[in-house]
């Protein structure tokens, strides 16, 4: 599995999503109180991410 989303519970008991590529964490989300909210975040990233522009603020 080269890349995937992973839902996990953090130390505070909140659900978080991280995206891994070749076992390296590329990004993780804020904490969500429910697993369904974490799944909704994944769906939103998958739907809206491909068309997202890149903003270079450097």
Protein backbone atom coordinates (compact mmCIF):
# COMPACT_ATOMS: atom_id res chain seq x y z
CA UNK A 1 0.00 0.00 0.00
CA UNK A 2 1.93 3.04 -1.25
CA UNK A 3 -0.46 5.66 0.12
CA UNK A 4 -3.55 5.66 2.30
CA UNK A 5 -5.66 7.52 4.83
CA UNK A 6 -5.57 6.25 8.41
CA UNK A 7 -8.10 7.04 11.15
CA UNK A 8 -6.78 6.77 14.68
CA UNK A 9 -7.59 7.93 18.20
CA UNK A 10 -5.18 10.38 19.79
CA UNK A 11 -4.23 10.56 23.47
CA UNK A 12 -7.16 12.93 24.15
CA UNK A 13 -9.59 10.37 22.73
CA UNK A 14 -10.34 12.33 19.57
CA UNK A 15 -10.39 10.81 16.09
CA UNK A 16 -7.76 12.08 13.67
CA UNK A 17 -6.91 11.32 10.07
CA UNK A 18 -3.42 11.05 8.73
CA UNK A 19 -2.33 10.53 5.15
CA UNK A 20 0.63 8.25 4.70
CA UNK A 21 2.81 7.74 1.64
CA UNK A 22 5.33 4.90 1.76
CA UNK A 23 4.80 4.68 5.55
CA UNK A 24 5.69 8.37 6.02
CA UNK A 25 3.05 10.71 7.46
CA UNK A 26 2.48 13.49 4.96
CA UNK A 27 -0.19 15.33 6.95
CA UNK A 28 -2.72 14.86 9.73
CA UNK A 29 -5.98 16.60 10.56
CA UNK A 30 -7.43 18.28 13.59
CA UNK A 31 -9.20 16.10 16.15
CA UNK A 32 -12.83 15.11 15.66
CA UNK A 33 -15.24 13.95 18.36
CA UNK A 34 -16.70 11.19 16.17
CA UNK A 35 -15.34 8.68 13.69
CA UNK A 36 -18.03 9.71 11.20
CA UNK A 37 -16.64 13.27 11.22
CA UNK A 38 -13.16 11.91 10.51
CA UNK A 39 -14.56 9.88 7.60
CA UNK A 40 -16.32 13.01 6.31
CA UNK A 41 -12.97 14.84 6.38
CA UNK A 42 -11.45 12.11 4.19
CA UNK A 43 -14.35 12.36 1.76
CA UNK A 44 -13.94 16.14 1.59
CA UNK A 45 -10.20 15.87 0.90
CA UNK A 46 -10.78 13.28 -1.82
CA UNK A 47 -13.52 15.36 -3.44
CA UNK A 48 -11.97 18.82 -3.18
CA UNK A 49 -8.24 18.08 -3.10
CA UNK A 50 -7.58 17.23 -6.74
CA UNK A 51 -8.69 20.66 -7.92
CA UNK A 52 -7.01 22.65 -5.15
CA UNK A 53 -4.62 25.36 -6.23
CA UNK A 54 -1.14 25.81 -4.78
CA UNK A 55 -0.49 29.08 -2.95
CA UNK A 56 3.18 30.01 -2.42
CA UNK A 57 3.46 32.59 0.35
CA UNK A 58 7.24 32.64 0.49
